[in-house]
N, C-alpha and C. Protein backbone atom coordinates (compact mmCIF):
# COMPACT_ATOMS: atom_id res chain seq x y z
N UNK A 1 37.02 -28.94 -58.39
CA UNK A 1 36.89 -27.74 -59.18
C UNK A 1 35.96 -26.73 -58.50
N UNK A 2 34.84 -27.24 -57.96
CA UNK A 2 33.91 -26.34 -57.29
C UNK A 2 34.53 -25.71 -56.06
N UNK A 3 35.33 -26.53 -55.35
CA UNK A 3 35.99 -26.00 -54.14
C UNK A 3 36.96 -24.90 -54.50
N UNK A 4 37.68 -25.10 -55.59
CA UNK A 4 38.66 -24.11 -56.01
C UNK A 4 37.96 -22.83 -56.45
N UNK A 5 36.84 -22.96 -57.15
CA UNK A 5 36.07 -21.81 -57.60
C UNK A 5 35.52 -21.04 -56.39
N UNK A 6 35.00 -21.77 -55.40
CA UNK A 6 34.48 -21.13 -54.20
C UNK A 6 35.60 -20.42 -53.44
N UNK A 7 36.76 -21.05 -53.36
CA UNK A 7 37.90 -20.44 -52.67
C UNK A 7 38.35 -19.17 -53.38
N UNK A 8 38.38 -19.19 -54.70
CA UNK A 8 38.77 -18.01 -55.46
C UNK A 8 37.78 -16.87 -55.26
N UNK A 9 36.50 -17.20 -55.24
CA UNK A 9 35.48 -16.16 -55.06
C UNK A 9 35.59 -15.54 -53.66
N UNK A 10 35.78 -16.37 -52.67
CA UNK A 10 35.89 -15.87 -51.30
C UNK A 10 37.16 -15.04 -51.11
N UNK A 11 38.26 -15.47 -51.73
CA UNK A 11 39.50 -14.72 -51.58
C UNK A 11 39.40 -13.36 -52.26
N UNK A 12 38.66 -13.28 -53.37
CA UNK A 12 38.51 -11.99 -54.03
C UNK A 12 37.66 -11.05 -53.18
N UNK A 13 36.69 -11.59 -52.46
CA UNK A 13 35.90 -10.75 -51.56
C UNK A 13 36.77 -10.21 -50.43
N UNK A 14 37.66 -11.03 -49.93
CA UNK A 14 38.55 -10.60 -48.86
C UNK A 14 39.47 -9.49 -49.34
N UNK A 15 39.95 -9.59 -50.59
CA UNK A 15 40.82 -8.56 -51.14
C UNK A 15 40.07 -7.24 -51.32
N UNK A 16 38.81 -7.32 -51.74
CA UNK A 16 38.01 -6.10 -51.91
C UNK A 16 37.80 -5.43 -50.55
N UNK A 17 37.51 -6.23 -49.54
CA UNK A 17 37.29 -5.68 -48.20
C UNK A 17 38.58 -5.07 -47.66
N UNK A 18 39.71 -5.69 -47.94
CA UNK A 18 40.98 -5.17 -47.45
C UNK A 18 41.36 -3.89 -48.16
N UNK A 19 40.94 -3.74 -49.42
CA UNK A 19 41.30 -2.56 -50.19
C UNK A 19 40.42 -1.36 -49.85
N UNK A 20 39.31 -1.58 -49.18
CA UNK A 20 38.41 -0.47 -48.84
C UNK A 20 39.09 0.45 -47.84
N UNK A 21 38.95 1.76 -48.02
CA UNK A 21 39.60 2.69 -47.09
C UNK A 21 38.99 2.59 -45.70
N UNK A 22 39.83 2.79 -44.72
CA UNK A 22 39.37 2.73 -43.33
C UNK A 22 38.53 3.95 -43.00
N UNK A 23 37.54 3.77 -42.16
CA UNK A 23 36.68 4.86 -41.75
C UNK A 23 37.46 5.76 -40.79
N UNK A 24 37.44 7.09 -41.02
CA UNK A 24 38.17 7.97 -40.10
C UNK A 24 37.52 7.95 -38.71
N UNK A 25 38.35 8.09 -37.71
CA UNK A 25 37.88 8.05 -36.33
C UNK A 25 37.61 9.48 -35.86
N UNK A 26 36.41 9.72 -35.38
CA UNK A 26 36.06 11.02 -34.82
C UNK A 26 36.21 10.98 -33.31
N UNK A 27 36.47 12.14 -32.72
CA UNK A 27 36.55 12.20 -31.26
C UNK A 27 35.23 11.82 -30.61
N UNK A 28 34.12 12.10 -31.30
CA UNK A 28 32.82 11.78 -30.73
C UNK A 28 32.57 10.28 -30.70
N UNK A 29 33.31 9.51 -31.52
CA UNK A 29 33.14 8.06 -31.53
C UNK A 29 33.83 7.40 -30.33
N UNK A 30 34.77 8.09 -29.73
CA UNK A 30 35.50 7.53 -28.61
C UNK A 30 34.62 7.52 -27.37
N UNK A 31 34.72 6.47 -26.61
CA UNK A 31 33.93 6.40 -25.38
C UNK A 31 34.61 7.22 -24.30
N UNK A 32 33.80 7.91 -23.52
CA UNK A 32 34.36 8.71 -22.43
C UNK A 32 34.43 7.86 -21.17
N UNK A 33 35.28 8.26 -20.27
CA UNK A 33 35.44 7.55 -19.01
C UNK A 33 34.24 7.87 -18.13
N UNK A 34 33.59 6.84 -17.62
CA UNK A 34 32.43 7.03 -16.76
C UNK A 34 32.74 6.44 -15.39
N UNK A 35 32.25 7.11 -14.34
CA UNK A 35 32.49 6.56 -13.02
C UNK A 35 31.70 5.26 -12.82
N UNK A 36 32.22 4.41 -12.01
CA UNK A 36 31.55 3.16 -11.70
C UNK A 36 30.41 3.44 -10.74
N UNK A 37 29.24 2.94 -11.04
CA UNK A 37 28.07 3.16 -10.19
C UNK A 37 27.95 2.05 -9.16
N UNK A 38 27.55 2.44 -7.96
CA UNK A 38 27.29 1.44 -6.93
C UNK A 38 25.85 0.99 -6.97
N UNK A 39 25.11 1.48 -7.94
CA UNK A 39 23.73 1.03 -8.10
C UNK A 39 22.72 2.08 -7.69
N UNK A 40 21.50 1.81 -8.06
CA UNK A 40 20.39 2.70 -7.76
C UNK A 40 19.43 1.96 -6.84
N UNK A 41 19.00 2.65 -5.80
CA UNK A 41 17.98 2.11 -4.91
C UNK A 41 16.73 2.96 -5.09
N UNK A 42 15.64 2.33 -5.46
CA UNK A 42 14.38 3.05 -5.68
C UNK A 42 13.79 3.51 -4.35
N UNK A 43 13.01 4.58 -4.37
CA UNK A 43 12.36 5.03 -3.14
C UNK A 43 11.27 4.04 -2.71
N UNK A 44 11.03 3.96 -1.40
CA UNK A 44 9.99 3.10 -0.85
C UNK A 44 9.10 3.92 0.06
N UNK A 45 7.80 3.72 -0.05
CA UNK A 45 6.85 4.42 0.80
C UNK A 45 6.98 3.88 2.22
N UNK A 46 7.26 4.77 3.18
CA UNK A 46 7.40 4.35 4.57
C UNK A 46 6.27 4.86 5.45
N UNK A 47 5.56 5.90 5.00
CA UNK A 47 4.42 6.41 5.78
C UNK A 47 3.36 6.95 4.83
N UNK A 48 2.13 6.53 5.04
CA UNK A 48 1.00 7.10 4.31
C UNK A 48 -0.18 7.19 5.27
N UNK A 49 -1.01 8.18 5.04
CA UNK A 49 -2.20 8.31 5.86
C UNK A 49 -3.42 7.95 5.02
N UNK A 50 -4.48 7.57 5.70
CA UNK A 50 -5.70 7.15 5.00
C UNK A 50 -6.41 8.37 4.43
N UNK A 51 -6.88 8.24 3.23
CA UNK A 51 -7.62 9.31 2.58
C UNK A 51 -9.10 8.93 2.67
N UNK A 52 -9.86 9.74 3.40
CA UNK A 52 -11.29 9.46 3.52
C UNK A 52 -12.08 10.55 2.81
N UNK A 53 -13.06 10.10 2.07
CA UNK A 53 -13.91 11.00 1.30
C UNK A 53 -15.35 10.60 1.58
N UNK A 54 -16.18 11.57 1.89
CA UNK A 54 -17.59 11.29 2.15
C UNK A 54 -18.24 10.71 0.89
N UNK A 55 -19.13 9.75 1.09
CA UNK A 55 -19.76 9.11 -0.07
C UNK A 55 -20.59 10.10 -0.89
N UNK A 56 -21.04 11.18 -0.25
CA UNK A 56 -21.80 12.19 -1.00
C UNK A 56 -20.91 12.94 -1.99
N UNK A 57 -19.60 12.95 -1.75
CA UNK A 57 -18.66 13.64 -2.66
C UNK A 57 -18.22 12.77 -3.82
N UNK A 58 -18.46 11.47 -3.71
CA UNK A 58 -18.01 10.55 -4.75
C UNK A 58 -18.92 10.63 -5.97
N UNK A 59 -18.36 10.52 -7.16
CA UNK A 59 -19.18 10.54 -8.37
C UNK A 59 -20.08 9.30 -8.43
N UNK A 60 -21.20 9.44 -9.12
CA UNK A 60 -22.13 8.32 -9.25
C UNK A 60 -21.51 7.15 -10.00
N UNK A 61 -20.78 7.44 -11.05
CA UNK A 61 -20.13 6.40 -11.83
C UNK A 61 -18.70 6.24 -11.31
N UNK A 62 -18.47 5.20 -10.51
CA UNK A 62 -17.15 5.00 -9.89
C UNK A 62 -16.24 4.10 -10.72
N UNK A 63 -16.70 3.62 -11.86
CA UNK A 63 -15.89 2.71 -12.67
C UNK A 63 -14.61 3.42 -13.12
N UNK A 64 -13.47 2.86 -12.72
CA UNK A 64 -12.18 3.42 -13.13
C UNK A 64 -11.85 4.75 -12.50
N UNK A 65 -12.46 5.05 -11.35
CA UNK A 65 -12.19 6.34 -10.70
C UNK A 65 -10.81 6.33 -10.07
N UNK A 66 -10.02 7.29 -10.47
CA UNK A 66 -8.67 7.41 -9.93
C UNK A 66 -8.18 8.84 -10.11
N UNK A 67 -7.18 9.18 -9.31
CA UNK A 67 -6.50 10.46 -9.43
C UNK A 67 -5.03 10.13 -9.69
N UNK A 68 -4.47 10.71 -10.74
CA UNK A 68 -3.07 10.47 -11.07
C UNK A 68 -2.29 11.74 -10.76
N UNK A 69 -1.23 11.57 -9.96
CA UNK A 69 -0.39 12.69 -9.55
C UNK A 69 1.02 12.53 -10.10
N UNK A 70 1.68 13.66 -10.29
CA UNK A 70 3.08 13.71 -10.71
C UNK A 70 3.78 14.65 -9.74
N UNK A 71 4.93 14.23 -9.22
CA UNK A 71 5.66 15.09 -8.28
C UNK A 71 7.13 14.69 -8.23
N UNK A 72 7.92 15.56 -7.61
CA UNK A 72 9.34 15.29 -7.40
C UNK A 72 9.52 14.87 -5.95
N UNK A 73 10.17 13.75 -5.75
CA UNK A 73 10.51 13.28 -4.41
C UNK A 73 11.90 13.82 -4.10
N UNK A 74 12.01 14.65 -3.06
CA UNK A 74 13.30 15.28 -2.76
C UNK A 74 14.24 14.32 -2.04
N UNK A 75 15.41 14.81 -1.67
CA UNK A 75 16.44 13.96 -1.07
C UNK A 75 16.11 13.54 0.36
N UNK A 76 15.06 14.13 0.94
CA UNK A 76 14.64 13.71 2.29
C UNK A 76 13.46 12.75 2.24
N UNK A 77 12.92 12.49 1.05
CA UNK A 77 11.78 11.58 0.92
C UNK A 77 10.44 12.28 1.00
N UNK A 78 10.44 13.60 0.84
CA UNK A 78 9.19 14.37 0.88
C UNK A 78 8.76 14.74 -0.54
N UNK A 79 7.45 14.63 -0.84
CA UNK A 79 6.98 15.01 -2.17
C UNK A 79 6.95 16.53 -2.34
N UNK A 80 7.39 17.01 -3.49
CA UNK A 80 7.42 18.44 -3.80
C UNK A 80 6.74 18.66 -5.14
N UNK A 81 6.18 19.86 -5.32
CA UNK A 81 5.58 20.26 -6.61
C UNK A 81 4.56 19.23 -7.11
N UNK A 82 3.59 18.89 -6.27
CA UNK A 82 2.58 17.90 -6.63
C UNK A 82 1.64 18.49 -7.67
N UNK A 83 1.46 17.76 -8.77
CA UNK A 83 0.56 18.19 -9.85
C UNK A 83 -0.44 17.07 -10.13
N UNK A 84 -1.69 17.45 -10.36
CA UNK A 84 -2.72 16.48 -10.72
C UNK A 84 -2.68 16.30 -12.24
N UNK A 85 -2.38 15.09 -12.68
CA UNK A 85 -2.28 14.79 -14.11
C UNK A 85 -3.64 14.35 -14.65
N UNK A 86 -4.33 13.49 -13.90
CA UNK A 86 -5.67 13.03 -14.28
C UNK A 86 -6.61 13.31 -13.11
N UNK A 87 -7.38 14.39 -13.17
CA UNK A 87 -8.26 14.75 -12.06
C UNK A 87 -9.54 13.92 -12.04
N UNK A 88 -10.17 13.92 -10.85
CA UNK A 88 -11.47 13.28 -10.70
C UNK A 88 -12.53 14.36 -10.48
N UNK A 89 -12.49 15.00 -9.32
CA UNK A 89 -13.30 16.19 -9.05
C UNK A 89 -12.40 17.15 -8.28
N UNK A 90 -12.65 18.44 -8.31
CA UNK A 90 -11.78 19.39 -7.60
C UNK A 90 -11.66 19.10 -6.10
N UNK A 91 -12.76 18.73 -5.44
CA UNK A 91 -12.69 18.48 -3.99
C UNK A 91 -11.92 17.20 -3.68
N UNK A 92 -12.14 16.16 -4.47
CA UNK A 92 -11.40 14.90 -4.25
C UNK A 92 -9.93 15.10 -4.59
N UNK A 93 -9.63 15.79 -5.67
CA UNK A 93 -8.24 16.06 -6.04
C UNK A 93 -7.52 16.78 -4.91
N UNK A 94 -8.16 17.79 -4.32
CA UNK A 94 -7.55 18.56 -3.23
C UNK A 94 -7.27 17.68 -2.02
N UNK A 95 -8.19 16.80 -1.68
CA UNK A 95 -7.98 15.90 -0.53
C UNK A 95 -6.83 14.93 -0.80
N UNK A 96 -6.78 14.41 -2.00
CA UNK A 96 -5.71 13.47 -2.34
C UNK A 96 -4.35 14.18 -2.30
N UNK A 97 -4.27 15.38 -2.85
CA UNK A 97 -3.01 16.13 -2.85
C UNK A 97 -2.60 16.45 -1.41
N UNK A 98 -3.54 16.87 -0.56
CA UNK A 98 -3.22 17.16 0.84
C UNK A 98 -2.70 15.92 1.56
N UNK A 99 -3.31 14.78 1.30
CA UNK A 99 -2.86 13.54 1.94
C UNK A 99 -1.47 13.13 1.45
N UNK A 100 -1.24 13.22 0.15
CA UNK A 100 0.05 12.81 -0.41
C UNK A 100 1.17 13.73 0.07
N UNK A 101 0.86 14.99 0.34
CA UNK A 101 1.87 15.91 0.89
C UNK A 101 2.44 15.38 2.21
N UNK A 102 1.64 14.61 2.94
CA UNK A 102 2.08 14.07 4.24
C UNK A 102 2.75 12.71 4.13
N UNK A 103 2.70 12.09 2.95
CA UNK A 103 3.36 10.80 2.75
C UNK A 103 4.87 10.99 2.88
N UNK A 104 5.56 9.93 3.31
CA UNK A 104 7.03 9.95 3.39
C UNK A 104 7.59 8.69 2.76
N UNK A 105 8.65 8.87 2.03
CA UNK A 105 9.36 7.78 1.37
C UNK A 105 10.79 7.73 1.88
N UNK A 106 11.40 6.55 1.74
CA UNK A 106 12.86 6.51 1.85
C UNK A 106 13.33 7.03 0.50
N UNK A 107 14.27 7.97 0.47
CA UNK A 107 14.65 8.59 -0.80
C UNK A 107 15.39 7.63 -1.73
N UNK A 108 15.41 7.99 -3.00
CA UNK A 108 16.18 7.23 -3.98
C UNK A 108 17.67 7.45 -3.70
N UNK A 109 18.47 6.43 -3.95
CA UNK A 109 19.91 6.51 -3.67
C UNK A 109 20.67 6.11 -4.93
N UNK A 110 21.66 6.92 -5.29
CA UNK A 110 22.54 6.63 -6.41
C UNK A 110 23.97 6.88 -5.95
N UNK A 111 24.82 5.90 -6.11
CA UNK A 111 26.23 6.01 -5.69
C UNK A 111 26.34 6.43 -4.23
N UNK A 112 25.52 5.82 -3.39
CA UNK A 112 25.52 6.06 -1.94
C UNK A 112 25.12 7.47 -1.55
N UNK A 113 24.44 8.19 -2.44
CA UNK A 113 23.95 9.54 -2.13
C UNK A 113 22.47 9.61 -2.47
N UNK A 114 21.70 10.26 -1.60
CA UNK A 114 20.28 10.43 -1.90
C UNK A 114 20.13 11.41 -3.06
N UNK A 115 19.19 11.12 -3.94
CA UNK A 115 18.98 11.96 -5.12
C UNK A 115 17.48 12.22 -5.28
N UNK A 116 17.12 13.41 -5.81
CA UNK A 116 15.71 13.66 -6.11
C UNK A 116 15.29 12.83 -7.32
N UNK A 117 14.01 12.52 -7.38
CA UNK A 117 13.50 11.68 -8.47
C UNK A 117 12.06 12.08 -8.78
N UNK A 118 11.68 11.99 -10.05
CA UNK A 118 10.30 12.26 -10.45
C UNK A 118 9.48 10.99 -10.30
N UNK A 119 8.29 11.13 -9.71
CA UNK A 119 7.40 9.99 -9.51
C UNK A 119 6.02 10.28 -10.05
N UNK A 120 5.33 9.24 -10.46
CA UNK A 120 3.91 9.29 -10.79
C UNK A 120 3.21 8.38 -9.79
N UNK A 121 2.07 8.82 -9.29
CA UNK A 121 1.32 8.05 -8.30
C UNK A 121 -0.13 7.97 -8.74
N UNK A 122 -0.66 6.76 -8.78
CA UNK A 122 -2.06 6.55 -9.14
C UNK A 122 -2.81 6.19 -7.86
N UNK A 123 -3.82 7.00 -7.52
CA UNK A 123 -4.64 6.76 -6.33
C UNK A 123 -6.00 6.27 -6.81
N UNK A 124 -6.32 5.01 -6.51
CA UNK A 124 -7.61 4.44 -6.88
C UNK A 124 -8.64 4.87 -5.84
N UNK A 125 -9.78 5.36 -6.29
CA UNK A 125 -10.87 5.78 -5.40
C UNK A 125 -11.90 4.67 -5.38
N UNK A 126 -12.20 4.17 -4.16
CA UNK A 126 -13.15 3.07 -4.01
C UNK A 126 -14.23 3.44 -3.00
N UNK A 127 -15.39 2.80 -3.14
CA UNK A 127 -16.47 2.99 -2.17
C UNK A 127 -16.25 2.09 -1.00
């Protein structure tokens, strides 16, 4: 008896679900055709120069001293539009920016083509 009651209850649920109107299909719901990607290769630093700062220019409190930069890496692997996001001191910031301008990366690659990419770089300042 219990099995029959359970079967009747489940069958009535199925009928209610079948009687519900179908959701209309919008063009925006359809997936668009996307090209197949051959993958993304991240940029790699291939050349950097040493950044030297006189100890007299360094702040007394060196705990957590860093300069954070934001820039666009172009298709040749050169940094462009370098901006200081977290400065330390104006003179140290300028030296770090000048040094990073000379850094070179292998560019980012998408679908076998080099592409520009936005990067953030954290430069730790140590004694």
